[in-house]
C-alpha atoms as a PDB file:
ATOM      1  CA  UNK A   1      79.309 165.417  87.050  1.00  0.00           C
ATOM      2  CA  UNK A   2      82.113 162.756  86.473  1.00  0.00           C
ATOM      3  CA  UNK A   3      81.275 161.590  90.200  1.00  0.00           C
ATOM      4  CA  UNK A   4      77.610 161.294  89.467  1.00  0.00           C
ATOM      5  CA  UNK A   5      78.005 159.470  86.349  1.00  0.00           C
ATOM      6  CA  UNK A   6      80.409 157.007  88.234  1.00  0.00           C
ATOM      7  CA  UNK A   7      78.069 156.750  90.988  1.00  0.00           C
ATOM      8  CA  UNK A   8      75.198 155.841  88.510  1.00  0.00           C
ATOM      9  CA  UNK A   9      77.419 153.132  86.907  1.00  0.00           C
ATOM     10  CA  UNK A  10      77.875 151.580  90.136  1.00  0.00           C
ATOM     11  CA  UNK A  11      74.535 151.508  91.323  1.00  0.00           C
ATOM     12  CA  UNK A  12      73.753 150.160  87.942  1.00  0.00           C
ATOM     13  CA  UNK A  13      76.272 147.133  88.412  1.00  0.00           C
ATOM     14  CA  UNK A  14      75.127 146.549  91.921  1.00  0.00           C
ATOM     15  CA  UNK A  15      71.545 146.273  90.846  1.00  0.00           C
ATOM     16  CA  UNK A  16      72.469 143.544  88.210  1.00  0.00           C
ATOM     17  CA  UNK A  17      71.860 139.627  89.245  1.00  0.00           C
ATOM     18  CA  UNK A  18      74.687 137.698  89.997  1.00  0.00           C
ATOM     19  CA  UNK A  19      75.437 135.229  87.142  1.00  0.00           C
ATOM     20  CA  UNK A  20      74.041 131.788  87.936  1.00  0.00           C
ATOM     21  CA  UNK A  21      71.276 133.325  90.628  1.00  0.00           C
ATOM     22  CA  UNK A  22      68.250 131.171  90.716  1.00  0.00           C
ATOM     23  CA  UNK A  23      65.877 133.621  89.780  1.00  0.00           C
ATOM     24  CA  UNK A  24      63.022 130.909  89.078  1.00  0.00           C
ATOM     25  CA  UNK A  25      63.561 129.547  92.709  1.00  0.00           C
ATOM     26  CA  UNK A  26      63.626 132.876  94.186  1.00  0.00           C
ATOM     27  CA  UNK A  27      60.700 134.147  92.287  1.00  0.00           C
ATOM     28  CA  UNK A  28      58.684 131.147  93.358  1.00  0.00           C
ATOM     29  CA  UNK A  29      59.762 131.200  97.260  1.00  0.00           C
ATOM     30  CA  UNK A  30      58.771 135.297  97.165  1.00  0.00           C
ATOM     31  CA  UNK A  31      55.307 134.726  95.664  1.00  0.00           C
ATOM     32  CA  UNK A  32      54.691 131.545  97.454  1.00  0.00           C
ATOM     33  CA  UNK A  33      55.473 132.040 100.964  1.00  0.00           C
ATOM     34  CA  UNK A  34      53.384 135.246 101.369  1.00  0.00           C
ATOM     35  CA  UNK A  35      50.740 133.368  99.083  1.00  0.00           C
ATOM     36  CA  UNK A  36      49.975 131.177 101.678  1.00  0.00           C
ATOM     37  CA  UNK A  37      49.176 133.607 104.351  1.00  0.00           C
ATOM     38  CA  UNK A  38      46.370 134.865 102.197  1.00  0.00           C
ATOM     39  CA  UNK A  39      42.781 134.701 103.306  1.00  0.00           C
ATOM     40  CA  UNK A  40      40.388 132.786 101.610  1.00  0.00           C
ATOM     41  CA  UNK A  41      37.537 135.335 101.200  1.00  0.00           C
ATOM     42  CA  UNK A  42      35.313 137.274  98.745  1.00  0.00           C
ATOM     43  CA  UNK A  43      35.850 140.974  98.836  1.00  0.00           C
ATOM     44  CA  UNK A  44      32.765 143.516  98.424  1.00  0.00           C
ATOM     45  CA  UNK A  45      33.411 146.479  96.319  1.00  0.00           C
ATOM     46  CA  UNK A  46      33.354 149.798  98.371  1.00  0.00           C
ATOM     47  CA  UNK A  47      30.913 147.880 101.038  1.00  0.00           C
ATOM     48  CA  UNK A  48      28.292 147.353  98.654  1.00  0.00           C
ATOM     49  CA  UNK A  49      26.581 144.038  97.069  1.00  0.00           C
ATOM     50  CA  UNK A  50      26.547 145.275  93.798  1.00  0.00           C
ATOM     51  CA  UNK A  51      30.091 143.952  92.726  1.00  0.00           C
ATOM     52  CA  UNK A  52      31.872 140.717  94.168  1.00  0.00           C
ATOM     53  CA  UNK A  53      35.551 140.561  93.693  1.00  0.00           C
ATOM     54  CA  UNK A  54      37.238 137.296  94.237  1.00  0.00           C
ATOM     55  CA  UNK A  55      40.700 138.356  95.909  1.00  0.00           C
ATOM     56  CA  UNK A  56      43.304 136.568  98.485  1.00  0.00           C
ATOM     57  CA  UNK A  57      44.601 132.890  97.670  1.00  0.00           C
ATOM     58  CA  UNK A  58      41.615 131.832  95.241  1.00  0.00           C
ATOM     59  CA  UNK A  59      42.359 134.669  92.760  1.00  0.00           C
ATOM     60  CA  UNK A  60      46.077 134.360  92.883  1.00  0.00           C
ATOM     61  CA  UNK A  61      45.429 130.527  91.850  1.00  0.00           C
ATOM     62  CA  UNK A  62      43.291 131.619  88.995  1.00  0.00           C
ATOM     63  CA  UNK A  63      45.964 134.065  87.709  1.00  0.00           C
ATOM     64  CA  UNK A  64      48.775 131.457  87.638  1.00  0.00           C
ATOM     65  CA  UNK A  65      46.391 128.787  86.644  1.00  0.00           C
ATOM     66  CA  UNK A  66      45.572 130.803  83.313  1.00  0.00           C
ATOM     67  CA  UNK A  67      41.826 129.933  83.968  1.00  0.00           C
ATOM     68  CA  UNK A  68      39.840 130.434  80.829  1.00  0.00           C
ATOM     69  CA  UNK A  69      37.004 132.068  83.163  1.00  0.00           C
ATOM     70  CA  UNK A  70      37.394 133.726  86.310  1.00  0.00           C
ATOM     71  CA  UNK A  71      35.046 133.418  88.960  1.00  0.00           C
ATOM     72  CA  UNK A  72      34.255 136.683  89.221  1.00  0.00           C
ATOM     73  CA  UNK A  73      34.756 138.584  86.265  1.00  0.00           C
ATOM     74  CA  UNK A  74      34.553 142.411  86.466  1.00  0.00           C
ATOM     75  CA  UNK A  75      35.265 145.489  84.512  1.00  0.00           C
ATOM     76  CA  UNK A  76      35.746 149.013  85.210  1.00  0.00           C
ATOM     77  CA  UNK A  77      34.322 151.331  82.472  1.00  0.00           C
ATOM     78  CA  UNK A  78      35.971 154.752  82.014  1.00  0.00           C
ATOM     79  CA  UNK A  79      34.096 157.249  79.807  1.00  0.00           C
ATOM     80  CA  UNK A  80      35.136 159.730  76.986  1.00  0.00           C
ATOM     81  CA  UNK A  81      35.354 163.332  78.049  1.00  0.00           C
ATOM     82  CA  UNK A  82      31.972 164.340  77.038  1.00  0.00           C
ATOM     83  CA  UNK A  83      30.466 161.544  79.005  1.00  0.00           C
ATOM     84  CA  UNK A  84      32.741 161.102  82.125  1.00  0.00           C
ATOM     85  CA  UNK A  85      31.565 164.434  84.086  1.00  0.00           C
ATOM     86  CA  UNK A  86      27.527 163.574  83.078  1.00  0.00           C
ATOM     87  CA  UNK A  87      25.793 161.544  85.486  1.00  0.00           C
ATOM     88  CA  UNK A  88      22.743 160.968  83.191  1.00  0.00           C
ATOM     89  CA  UNK A  89      25.035 160.196  79.968  1.00  0.00           C
ATOM     90  CA  UNK A  90      27.133 157.632  82.237  1.00  0.00           C
ATOM     91  CA  UNK A  91      23.633 156.000  83.443  1.00  0.00           C
ATOM     92  CA  UNK A  92      22.609 155.826  79.727  1.00  0.00           C
ATOM     93  CA  UNK A  93      25.713 154.063  78.795  1.00  0.00           C
ATOM     94  CA  UNK A  94      25.243 151.763  81.621  1.00  0.00           C
ATOM     95  CA  UNK A  95      21.813 150.934  80.347  1.00  0.00           C
ATOM     96  CA  UNK A  96      22.993 150.281  76.876  1.00  0.00           C
ATOM     97  CA  UNK A  97      25.441 147.673  78.462  1.00  0.00           C
ATOM     98  CA  UNK A  98      23.917 145.539  81.101  1.00  0.00           C
ATOM     99  CA  UNK A  99      21.975 142.540  80.084  1.00  0.00           C
ATOM    100  CA  UNK A 100      18.099 142.856  79.916  1.00  0.00           C
ATOM    101  CA  UNK A 101      16.011 140.055  80.131  1.00  0.00           C
ATOM    102  CA  UNK A 102      12.238 139.623  79.720  1.00  0.00           C
ATOM    103  CA  UNK A 103      11.978 138.558  83.474  1.00  0.00           C
ATOM    104  CA  UNK A 104      13.676 142.341  84.236  1.00  0.00           C
ATOM    105  CA  UNK A 105      11.104 144.203  83.185  1.00  0.00           C
ATOM    106  CA  UNK A 106       8.145 141.952  83.970  1.00  0.00           C
ATOM    107  CA  UNK A 107       6.128 141.575  87.353  1.00  0.00           C
ATOM    108  CA  UNK A 108       4.401 138.340  86.185  1.00  0.00           C
ATOM    109  CA  UNK A 109       4.402 135.703  83.721  1.00  0.00           C
ATOM    110  CA  UNK A 110       1.396 133.153  83.379  1.00  0.00           C
ATOM    111  CA  UNK A 111      -0.953 131.517  81.149  1.00  0.00           C
ATOM    112  CA  UNK A 112      -4.363 132.850  80.963  1.00  0.00           C
ATOM    113  CA  UNK A 113      -6.784 129.836  81.301  1.00  0.00           C
ATOM    114  CA  UNK A 114      -9.533 131.670  79.138  1.00  0.00           C
ATOM    115  CA  UNK A 115      -7.754 132.288  76.010  1.00  0.00           C
ATOM    116  CA  UNK A 116      -4.710 129.789  76.454  1.00  0.00           C
ATOM    117  CA  UNK A 117      -2.254 132.466  75.696  1.00  0.00           C
ATOM    118  CA  UNK A 118       0.939 133.306  77.538  1.00  0.00           C
ATOM    119  CA  UNK A 119       0.637 136.880  79.410  1.00  0.00           C
ATOM    120  CA  UNK A 120       3.975 138.826  80.361  1.00  0.00           C
ATOM    121  CA  UNK A 121       2.704 141.716  82.448  1.00  0.00           C
ATOM    122  CA  UNK A 122       5.267 144.509  81.853  1.00  0.00           C
ATOM    123  CA  UNK A 123       6.700 146.904  84.578  1.00  0.00           C
ATOM    124  CA  UNK A 124       6.803 150.199  83.404  1.00  0.00           C
ATOM    125  CA  UNK A 125       9.072 151.598  86.028  1.00  0.00           C
ATOM    126  CA  UNK A 126      11.473 148.913  85.232  1.00  0.00           C
ATOM    127  CA  UNK A 127      11.123 149.471  81.669  1.00  0.00           C
ATOM    128  CA  UNK A 128      12.070 153.418  82.177  1.00  0.00           C
ATOM    129  CA  UNK A 129      15.147 152.134  84.664  1.00  0.00           C
ATOM    130  CA  UNK A 130      16.289 149.859  81.723  1.00  0.00           C
ATOM    131  CA  UNK A 131      15.694 152.212  78.838  1.00  0.00           C
ATOM    132  CA  UNK A 132      13.910 149.540  77.070  1.00  0.00           C
ATOM    133  CA  UNK A 133      10.938 150.811  74.603  1.00  0.00           C
ATOM    134  CA  UNK A 134       7.826 149.113  73.546  1.00  0.00           C
ATOM    135  CA  UNK A 135       9.179 149.331  69.907  1.00  0.00           C
ATOM    136  CA  UNK A 136      12.405 147.417  71.141  1.00  0.00           C
ATOM    137  CA  UNK A 137      10.090 144.740  72.396  1.00  0.00           C
ATOM    138  CA  UNK A 138       8.176 144.424  69.171  1.00  0.00           C
ATOM    139  CA  UNK A 139      11.401 143.982  67.371  1.00  0.00           C
ATOM    140  CA  UNK A 140      13.380 141.446  69.964  1.00  0.00           C
ATOM    141  CA  UNK A 141      10.456 139.292  70.523  1.00  0.00           C
ATOM    142  CA  UNK A 142      10.421 136.977  67.749  1.00  0.00           C
ATOM    143  CA  UNK A 143       9.167 133.330  68.579  1.00  0.00           C
ATOM    144  CA  UNK A 144       9.100 130.609  65.638  1.00  0.00           C
ATOM    145  CA  UNK A 145       5.621 129.302  65.386  1.00  0.00           C
ATOM    146  CA  UNK A 146       3.969 131.531  67.687  1.00  0.00           C
ATOM    147  CA  UNK A 147       1.677 134.720  67.336  1.00  0.00           C
ATOM    148  CA  UNK A 148       3.389 137.626  69.482  1.00  0.00           C
ATOM    149  CA  UNK A 149       1.584 140.880  70.270  1.00  0.00           C
ATOM    150  CA  UNK A 150       2.930 143.661  72.332  1.00  0.00           C
ATOM    151  CA  UNK A 151       0.954 146.478  74.118  1.00  0.00           C
ATOM    152  CA  UNK A 152       1.565 149.363  76.725  1.00  0.00           C
ATOM    153  CA  UNK A 153       0.987 146.848  79.476  1.00  0.00           C
ATOM    154  CA  UNK A 154       1.507 143.147  78.038  1.00  0.00           C
ATOM    155  CA  UNK A 155       3.329 140.712  76.090  1.00  0.00           C
ATOM    156  CA  UNK A 156       0.995 138.184  74.726  1.00  0.00           C
ATOM    157  CA  UNK A 157       1.973 134.995  73.128  1.00  0.00           C
ATOM    158  CA  UNK A 158      -0.121 132.745  71.202  1.00  0.00           C
ATOM    159  CA  UNK A 159       0.907 129.105  70.400  1.00  0.00           C
ATOM    160  CA  UNK A 160      -0.625 126.105  68.562  1.00  0.00           C
ATOM    161  CA  UNK A 161      -0.090 123.639  71.247  1.00  0.00           C
ATOM    162  CA  UNK A 162      -0.636 123.870  75.019  1.00  0.00           C
ATOM    163  CA  UNK A 163       2.198 122.014  75.278  1.00  0.00           C
ATOM    164  CA  UNK A 164       4.621 124.427  73.377  1.00  0.00           C
ATOM    165  CA  UNK A 165       3.139 127.262  75.585  1.00  0.00           C
ATOM    166  CA  UNK A 166       3.995 125.323  79.199  1.00  0.00           C
ATOM    167  CA  UNK A 167       7.493 124.981  77.458  1.00  0.00           C
ATOM    168  CA  UNK A 168       7.555 128.616  76.598  1.00  0.00           C
ATOM    169  CA  UNK A 169       6.664 129.748  79.817  1.00  0.00           C
ATOM    170  CA  UNK A 170      10.058 128.286  81.283  1.00  0.00           C
ATOM    171  CA  UNK A 171      12.164 129.672  78.682  1.00  0.00           C
ATOM    172  CA  UNK A 172      10.410 133.204  77.991  1.00  0.00           C
ATOM    173  CA  UNK A 173      11.494 135.231  81.361  1.00  0.00           C
ATOM    174  CA  UNK A 174      15.096 134.543  80.024  1.00  0.00           C
ATOM    175  CA  UNK A 175      14.651 136.182  76.536  1.00  0.00           C
ATOM    176  CA  UNK A 176      17.433 138.657  75.748  1.00  0.00           C
ATOM    177  CA  UNK A 177      15.892 142.079  75.101  1.00  0.00           C
ATOM    178  CA  UNK A 178      19.074 144.380  74.916  1.00  0.00           C
ATOM    179  CA  UNK A 179      22.428 144.970  76.318  1.00  0.00           C
ATOM    180  CA  UNK A 180      25.430 142.611  76.462  1.00  0.00           C
ATOM    181  CA  UNK A 181      24.729 139.221  77.767  1.00  0.00           C
ATOM    182  CA  UNK A 182      27.813 138.742  79.825  1.00  0.00           C
ATOM    183  CA  UNK A 183      27.046 141.747  81.794  1.00  0.00           C
ATOM    184  CA  UNK A 184      24.701 140.782  84.749  1.00  0.00           C
ATOM    185  CA  UNK A 185      24.882 143.960  86.856  1.00  0.00           C
ATOM    186  CA  UNK A 186      26.273 147.871  86.529  1.00  0.00           C
ATOM    187  CA  UNK A 187      27.156 150.114  89.223  1.00  0.00           C
ATOM    188  CA  UNK A 188      27.758 153.749  88.171  1.00  0.00           C
ATOM    189  CA  UNK A 189      29.927 155.667  90.826  1.00  0.00           C
ATOM    190  CA  UNK A 190      31.977 158.983  91.113  1.00  0.00           C
ATOM    191  CA  UNK A 191      35.872 158.531  91.463  1.00  0.00           C
ATOM    192  CA  UNK A 192      38.067 161.375  91.294  1.00  0.00           C
ATOM    193  CA  UNK A 193      35.367 163.833  89.932  1.00  0.00           C
ATOM    194  CA  UNK A 194      34.223 161.747  86.872  1.00  0.00           C
ATOM    195  CA  UNK A 195      31.645 158.954  86.727  1.00  0.00           C
ATOM    196  CA  UNK A 196      32.814 155.147  86.217  1.00  0.00           C
ATOM    197  CA  UNK A 197      30.554 152.283  85.590  1.00  0.00           C
ATOM    198  CA  UNK A 198      31.859 149.078  87.228  1.00  0.00           C
ATOM    199  CA  UNK A 199      30.466 145.720  86.137  1.00  0.00           C
ATOM    200  CA  UNK A 200      29.317 142.070  87.020  1.00  0.00           C
ATOM    201  CA  UNK A 201      30.433 140.147  84.124  1.00  0.00           C
ATOM    202  CA  UNK A 202      32.961 140.860  81.230  1.00  0.00           C
ATOM    203  CA  UNK A 203      32.840 140.765  77.410  1.00  0.00           C
ATOM    204  CA  UNK A 204      36.035 143.403  76.622  1.00  0.00           C
ATOM    205  CA  UNK A 205      35.459 143.573  72.867  1.00  0.00           C
ATOM    206  CA  UNK A 206      31.823 144.564  72.864  1.00  0.00           C
ATOM    207  CA  UNK A 207      32.012 147.047  75.595  1.00  0.00           C
ATOM    208  CA  UNK A 208      35.137 148.666  73.758  1.00  0.00           C
ATOM    209  CA  UNK A 209      32.731 149.183  70.732  1.00  0.00           C
ATOM    210  CA  UNK A 210      29.921 151.038  72.810  1.00  0.00           C
ATOM    211  CA  UNK A 211      29.740 154.879  72.131  1.00  0.00           C
ATOM    212  CA  UNK A 212      31.206 156.857  74.931  1.00  0.00           C
ATOM    213  CA  UNK A 213      33.472 153.928  76.255  1.00  0.00           C
ATOM    214  CA  UNK A 214      36.955 155.340  76.393  1.00  0.00           C
ATOM    215  CA  UNK A 215      38.889 152.191  75.405  1.00  0.00           C
ATOM    216  CA  UNK A 216      42.540 153.280  76.532  1.00  0.00           C
ATOM    217  CA  UNK A 217      41.356 153.361  80.196  1.00  0.00           C
ATOM    218  CA  UNK A 218      38.629 150.635  80.349  1.00  0.00           C
ATOM    219  CA  UNK A 219      39.872 147.453  82.068  1.00  0.00           C
ATOM    220  CA  UNK A 220      38.958 143.988  82.937  1.00  0.00           C
ATOM    221  CA  UNK A 221      40.271 140.928  85.313  1.00  0.00           C
ATOM    222  CA  UNK A 222      39.384 138.556  82.380  1.00  0.00           C
ATOM    223  CA  UNK A 223      42.914 137.973  81.350  1.00  0.00           C
ATOM    224  CA  UNK A 224      41.812 135.591  78.458  1.00  0.00           C
ATOM    225  CA  UNK A 225      39.673 138.070  76.978  1.00  0.00           C
ATOM    226  CA  UNK A 226      42.692 140.777  77.140  1.00  0.00           C
ATOM    227  CA  UNK A 227      45.007 138.286  75.356  1.00  0.00           C
ATOM    228  CA  UNK A 228      42.244 137.641  72.536  1.00  0.00           C
ATOM    229  CA  UNK A 229      41.323 141.588  72.014  1.00  0.00           C
ATOM    230  CA  UNK A 230      44.424 143.281  72.611  1.00  0.00           C
ATOM    231  CA  UNK A 231      47.220 141.018  72.331  1.00  0.00           C
ATOM    232  CA  UNK A 232      49.955 139.214  74.320  1.00  0.00           C
ATOM    233  CA  UNK A 233      51.750 142.253  75.819  1.00  0.00           C
ATOM    234  CA  UNK A 234      48.561 143.469  77.125  1.00  0.00           C
ATOM    235  CA  UNK A 235      47.613 140.370  78.914  1.00  0.00           C
ATOM    236  CA  UNK A 236      51.111 140.009  80.503  1.00  0.00           C
ATOM    237  CA  UNK A 237      50.589 143.576  81.941  1.00  0.00           C
ATOM    238  CA  UNK A 238      47.323 142.528  83.092  1.00  0.00           C
ATOM    239  CA  UNK A 239      48.748 139.502  85.002  1.00  0.00           C
ATOM    240  CA  UNK A 240      51.501 141.583  86.634  1.00  0.00           C
ATOM    241  CA  UNK A 241      48.639 144.004  87.534  1.00  0.00           C
ATOM    242  CA  UNK A 242      46.254 141.673  88.912  1.00  0.00           C
ATOM    243  CA  UNK A 243      48.843 139.642  91.200  1.00  0.00           C
ATOM    244  CA  UNK A 244      50.221 142.883  92.484  1.00  0.00           C
ATOM    245  CA  UNK A 245      46.615 143.946  93.051  1.00  0.00           C
ATOM    246  CA  UNK A 246      45.773 140.712  94.832  1.00  0.00           C
ATOM    247  CA  UNK A 247      49.061 140.691  97.137  1.00  0.00           C
ATOM    248  CA  UNK A 248      48.741 144.687  98.022  1.00  0.00           C
ATOM    249  CA  UNK A 249      45.251 144.046  99.051  1.00  0.00           C
ATOM    250  CA  UNK A 250      46.388 141.355 101.545  1.00  0.00           C
ATOM    251  CA  UNK A 251      49.177 143.743 102.845  1.00  0.00           C
ATOM    252  CA  UNK A 252      51.937 141.497 101.294  1.00  0.00           C
ATOM    253  CA  UNK A 253      54.707 143.372  99.571  1.00  0.00           C
ATOM    254  CA  UNK A 254      56.556 141.421  96.895  1.00  0.00           C
ATOM    255  CA  UNK A 255      59.066 142.670  94.879  1.00  0.00           C
ATOM    256  CA  UNK A 256      57.215 143.478  91.167  1.00  0.00           C
ATOM    257  CA  UNK A 257      60.325 141.874  89.473  1.00  0.00           C
ATOM    258  CA  UNK A 258      59.278 138.338  90.929  1.00  0.00           C
ATOM    259  CA  UNK A 259      55.547 138.791  89.468  1.00  0.00           C
ATOM    260  CA  UNK A 260      57.301 139.970  85.941  1.00  0.00           C
ATOM    261  CA  UNK A 261      59.372 136.974  85.594  1.00  0.00           C
ATOM    262  CA  UNK A 262      56.265 134.746  86.146  1.00  0.00           C
ATOM    263  CA  UNK A 263      54.169 136.891  83.751  1.00  0.00           C
ATOM    264  CA  UNK A 264      57.251 136.299  81.240  1.00  0.00           C
ATOM    265  CA  UNK A 265      57.370 132.735  81.363  1.00  0.00           C
ATOM    266  CA  UNK A 266      53.303 132.475  80.990  1.00  0.00           C
ATOM    267  CA  UNK A 267      53.296 134.720  78.016  1.00  0.00           C
ATOM    268  CA  UNK A 268      56.735 134.292  76.140  1.00  0.00           C
ATOM    269  CA  UNK A 269      55.203 131.637  73.661  1.00  0.00           C
ATOM    270  CA  UNK A 270      52.803 134.353  72.301  1.00  0.00           C
ATOM    271  CA  UNK A 271      49.803 132.853  74.267  1.00  0.00           C
ATOM    272  CA  UNK A 272      48.715 132.730  78.040  1.00  0.00           C
ATOM    273  CA  UNK A 273      49.675 129.194  79.530  1.00  0.00           C
ATOM    274  CA  UNK A 274      49.336 128.147  83.114  1.00  0.00           C
ATOM    275  CA  UNK A 275      52.003 127.346  85.564  1.00  0.00           C
ATOM    276  CA  UNK A 276      51.160 123.457  85.935  1.00  0.00           C
ATOM    277  CA  UNK A 277      51.235 120.261  84.453  1.00  0.00           C
ATOM    278  CA  UNK A 278      49.290 121.181  81.437  1.00  0.00           C
ATOM    279  CA  UNK A 279      51.286 124.204  80.764  1.00  0.00           C
ATOM    280  CA  UNK A 280      55.068 125.317  81.777  1.00  0.00           C
ATOM    281  CA  UNK A 281      55.634 122.290  84.118  1.00  0.00           C
ATOM    282  CA  UNK A 282      54.465 119.610  81.783  1.00  0.00           C
ATOM    283  CA  UNK A 283      56.442 120.972  78.895  1.00  0.00           C
ATOM    284  CA  UNK A 284      60.013 120.549  80.366  1.00  0.00           C
ATOM    285  CA  UNK A 285      62.473 118.751  78.501  1.00  0.00           C
ATOM    286  CA  UNK A 286      63.821 117.050  81.332  1.00  0.00           C
ATOM    287  CA  UNK A 287      61.843 113.568  81.798  1.00  0.00           C
ATOM    288  CA  UNK A 288      62.938 113.653  85.853  1.00  0.00           C
ATOM    289  CA  UNK A 289      61.446 117.090  86.262  1.00  0.00           C
ATOM    290  CA  UNK A 290      58.027 116.420  84.602  1.00  0.00           C
ATOM    291  CA  UNK A 291      58.018 113.118  86.800  1.00  0.00           C
ATOM    292  CA  UNK A 292      58.676 115.395  89.860  1.00  0.00           C
ATOM    293  CA  UNK A 293      55.599 117.743  89.463  1.00  0.00           C
ATOM    294  CA  UNK A 294      52.406 115.687  90.067  1.00  0.00           C
ATOM    295  CA  UNK A 295      52.195 113.038  87.361  1.00  0.00           C
ATOM    296  CA  UNK A 296      55.148 110.735  88.505  1.00  0.00           C
ATOM    297  CA  UNK A 297      54.341 107.276  86.856  1.00  0.00           C
ATOM    298  CA  UNK A 298      52.782 108.292  83.492  1.00  0.00           C
ATOM    299  CA  UNK A 299      55.598 110.324  82.439  1.00  0.00           C
ATOM    300  CA  UNK A 300      58.544 107.489  83.693  1.00  0.00           C
ATOM    301  CA  UNK A 301      56.437 105.201  81.957  1.00  0.00           C
ATOM    302  CA  UNK A 302      56.056 107.176  78.469  1.00  0.00           C
ATOM    303  CA  UNK A 303      59.941 108.056  78.697  1.00  0.00           C
ATOM    304  CA  UNK A 304      60.708 104.126  79.422  1.00  0.00           C
ATOM    305  CA  UNK A 305      58.584 103.013  76.409  1.00  0.00           C
ATOM    306  CA  UNK A 306      59.941 105.705  73.955  1.00  0.00           C
ATOM    307  CA  UNK A 307      63.491 105.293  74.972  1.00  0.00           C
ATOM    308  CA  UNK A 308      64.028 109.027  75.821  1.00  0.00           C
ATOM    309  CA  UNK A 309      67.052 110.189  77.838  1.00  0.00           C
ATOM    310  CA  UNK A 310      67.555 113.245  80.243  1.00  0.00           C
ATOM    311  CA  UNK A 311      70.511 115.555  79.734  1.00  0.00           C
ATOM    312  CA  UNK A 312      70.309 116.512  83.379  1.00  0.00           C
ATOM    313  CA  UNK A 313      70.382 120.240  82.541  1.00  0.00           C
ATOM    314  CA  UNK A 314      68.335 121.621  85.289  1.00  0.00           C
ATOM    315  CA  UNK A 315      68.062 121.964  89.060  1.00  0.00           C
ATOM    316  CA  UNK A 316      65.584 119.155  89.800  1.00  0.00           C
ATOM    317  CA  UNK A 317      66.529 116.404  87.862  1.00  0.00           C
ATOM    318  CA  UNK A 318      70.169 116.894  89.286  1.00  0.00           C
ATOM    319  CA  UNK A 319      68.943 116.949  92.714  1.00  0.00           C
ATOM    320  CA  UNK A 320      67.169 113.870  92.105  1.00  0.00           C
ATOM    321  CA  UNK A 321      70.448 112.254  90.858  1.00  0.00           C
ATOM    322  CA  UNK A 322      72.490 113.671  93.676  1.00  0.00           C
ATOM    323  CA  UNK A 323      74.473 116.024  91.489  1.00  0.00           C
ATOM    324  CA  UNK A 324      75.685 119.239  91.910  1.00  0.00           C
ATOM    325  CA  UNK A 325      72.937 121.593  90.401  1.00  0.00           C
ATOM    326  CA  UNK A 326      73.713 124.095  87.591  1.00  0.00           C
ATOM    327  CA  UNK A 327      73.124 127.281  89.383  1.00  0.00           C
ATOM    328  CA  UNK A 328      75.738 129.450  91.601  1.00  0.00           C
ATOM    329  CA  UNK A 329      79.138 127.808  91.720  1.00  0.00           C
ATOM    330  CA  UNK A 330      77.606 124.624  90.504  1.00  0.00           C
ATOM    331  CA  UNK A 331      77.896 126.416  86.918  1.00  0.00           C
ATOM    332  CA  UNK A 332      81.571 126.505  86.790  1.00  0.00           C
ATOM    333  CA  UNK A 333      83.448 123.460  85.400  1.00  0.00           C
ATOM    334  CA  UNK A 334      87.026 123.112  86.322  1.00  0.00           C
ATOM    335  CA  UNK A 335      89.454 121.301  84.396  1.00  0.00           C
ATOM    336  CA  UNK A 336      93.149 120.305  85.616  1.00  0.00           C
ATOM    337  CA  UNK A 337      95.793 121.448  82.908  1.00  0.00           C
ATOM    338  CA  UNK A 338      97.939 118.525  82.144  1.00  0.00           C
ATOM    339  CA  UNK A 339     100.476 120.400  80.777  1.00  0.00           C
ATOM    340  CA  UNK A 340     103.705 121.031  82.320  1.00  0.00           C
ATOM    341  CA  UNK A 341     105.127 124.422  82.256  1.00  0.00           C
ATOM    342  CA  UNK A 342     108.655 124.825  80.887  1.00  0.00           C
ATOM    343  CA  UNK A 343     109.292 128.217  81.623  1.00  0.00           C
ATOM    344  CA  UNK A 344     111.480 129.589  84.558  1.00  0.00           C
END
């Protein structure tokens, strides 16, 4: 037992980072080098066109730039016990979630020249597919200054002025009927013996409130939404998972600790900040370090006007002035003792 404990202690000590190790530089190099080998492409999930996912270098840039909106927001919605084994129930939840506009359940929209009314011809098959009823249409379609009549086959809109009717014709197709506006498309798939809903578009707080959705297993690639809904720790984990997923999809093996360091730096203040001149790099204490990253002249001019000084504590600023950098052996300061020993 003592031998096992001793071996465990030795392995633990070997795993510790050496004092003075430039972990930031190593992490940047370890992620940046394979990142340059990534392909610029859009990945189609499961070989179908229902869900597009941005991967490769564009997605990695989105993550470290802390973009407010990803270029292809998606969600993976997992369901509760009573719903995940039943395809019909899963499809019913998908109908509640997907955004349904009037154009989605209509096969024609035109102005009747005789009655001067706007006519929307309803598609009964699409209405059934989207789970839209006539009662829902009557309740949802309220247009100020217009008389709206809904029957089994048509939505009829009468306006006081013909000009208003023509303006309305351009807008009525986008009229929101039901669902979550941000969810453009849904795909119900069977994975590992349960039904899962994948979406184009994301709205985490609204989706989590839908009955039948399992909030503990539902995910999104929208990191800002995660931070606003579940908190900064969840956002940190999302950054790690998204970055690891992008690299693994390209067949690149990067130690997760490098990515964890990046996620920690991006979230340590309590909000998700980008690694760039508007985020981490732009908030460095050193004037020379800020000037070395993208915006040189404005930083130097501002520092000169305000009479700022640079303590030269970091790596970049010491490289600029030709001094030893404060990492590794450069951390050690040696002083010569002036005392003369009087002993034997």
